[in-house]
Protein backbone atom coordinates (compact mmCIF):
# COMPACT_ATOMS: atom_id res chain seq x y z
CA MET A 1 113.02 38.34 40.25
CA SER A 2 111.73 35.45 42.32
CA ARG A 3 108.91 36.16 44.72
CA GLY A 4 108.62 32.72 46.28
CA SER A 5 105.39 30.80 46.78
CA PHE A 6 102.06 31.33 48.38
CA PHE A 7 102.72 28.67 50.99
CA ALA A 8 102.64 30.32 54.39
CA PRO A 9 105.58 29.78 56.72
CA THR A 10 103.33 28.22 59.31
CA GLY A 11 102.72 25.30 56.96
CA LYS A 12 99.17 26.30 56.27
CA TRP A 13 97.85 27.36 52.82
CA VAL A 14 96.93 31.01 52.45
CA SER A 15 93.51 32.21 51.38
CA VAL A 16 92.30 32.72 47.82
CA GLU A 17 92.37 36.48 48.58
CA ASP A 18 96.00 36.25 49.56
CA VAL A 19 96.89 34.46 46.39
CA VAL A 20 95.13 37.18 44.31
CA ARG A 21 96.80 39.94 46.27
CA GLY A 22 100.25 38.27 46.07
CA THR A 23 99.95 37.56 42.35
CA LYS A 24 98.93 41.13 41.58
CA GLU A 25 101.93 42.36 43.68
CA VAL A 26 104.26 40.25 41.62
CA LEU A 27 102.80 41.55 38.43
CA ARG A 28 103.20 45.15 39.63
CA GLN A 29 106.84 44.65 40.71
CA ALA A 30 108.07 42.50 37.85
CA GLY A 31 105.74 43.03 35.02
CA HIS A 32 106.55 46.52 33.76
CA GLY A 33 108.47 46.78 30.52
CA GLY A 34 107.21 43.47 29.12
CA GLY A 35 108.69 40.00 28.92
CA LEU A 36 107.28 38.67 32.19
CA PHE A 37 106.70 34.95 32.31
CA ILE A 38 104.71 33.82 35.28
CA GLY A 39 103.91 30.31 36.40
CA SER A 40 104.23 27.86 39.22
CA SER A 41 107.85 27.53 40.53
CA SER A 42 108.39 23.93 39.40
CA GLU A 43 105.26 21.96 40.26
CA ILE A 44 101.93 22.35 42.00
CA VAL A 45 101.95 19.83 44.85
CA PRO A 46 98.88 17.67 45.30
CA SER A 47 97.95 19.31 48.63
CA THR A 48 97.57 22.77 47.04
CA PRO A 49 93.93 23.83 47.32
CA VAL A 50 92.34 23.86 43.83
CA GLN A 51 90.75 27.23 44.67
CA ASN A 52 94.24 28.70 45.07
CA ILE A 53 95.51 27.32 41.83
CA LEU A 54 92.43 28.73 39.98
CA ALA A 55 92.78 32.05 41.68
CA PHE A 56 96.49 32.33 40.54
CA TYR A 57 95.74 31.54 36.98
CA GLU A 58 92.66 33.71 36.81
CA THR A 59 94.49 36.62 38.26
CA CYS A 60 97.32 36.18 35.79
CA ARG A 61 94.86 35.93 32.94
CA THR A 62 92.87 38.93 34.05
CA TRP A 63 95.68 41.34 35.16
CA GLY A 64 98.83 40.04 33.42
CA ARG A 65 98.13 41.22 29.85
CA TYR A 66 100.06 44.09 28.42
CA PRO A 67 99.81 46.98 28.89
CA LEU A 68 99.50 46.27 32.56
CA SER A 69 96.72 48.05 34.42
CA ILE A 70 96.65 46.46 37.84
CA GLN A 71 94.26 47.81 40.45
């Protein structure tokens, strides 16, 4: 299951809160049953806000451990 990126169609980066919300939603939809591997699609482009990168990885670390218990 591919969810796409957190780059808004308007060409503007989304907020940290949007990254957290989107990452949790991906974990909810694709994470049950085990075996989920989550990461950037292929690369993180230089224009990606550092706060968004950190929010993504922190959300994965906090909420992406089995058994999943996402709030």
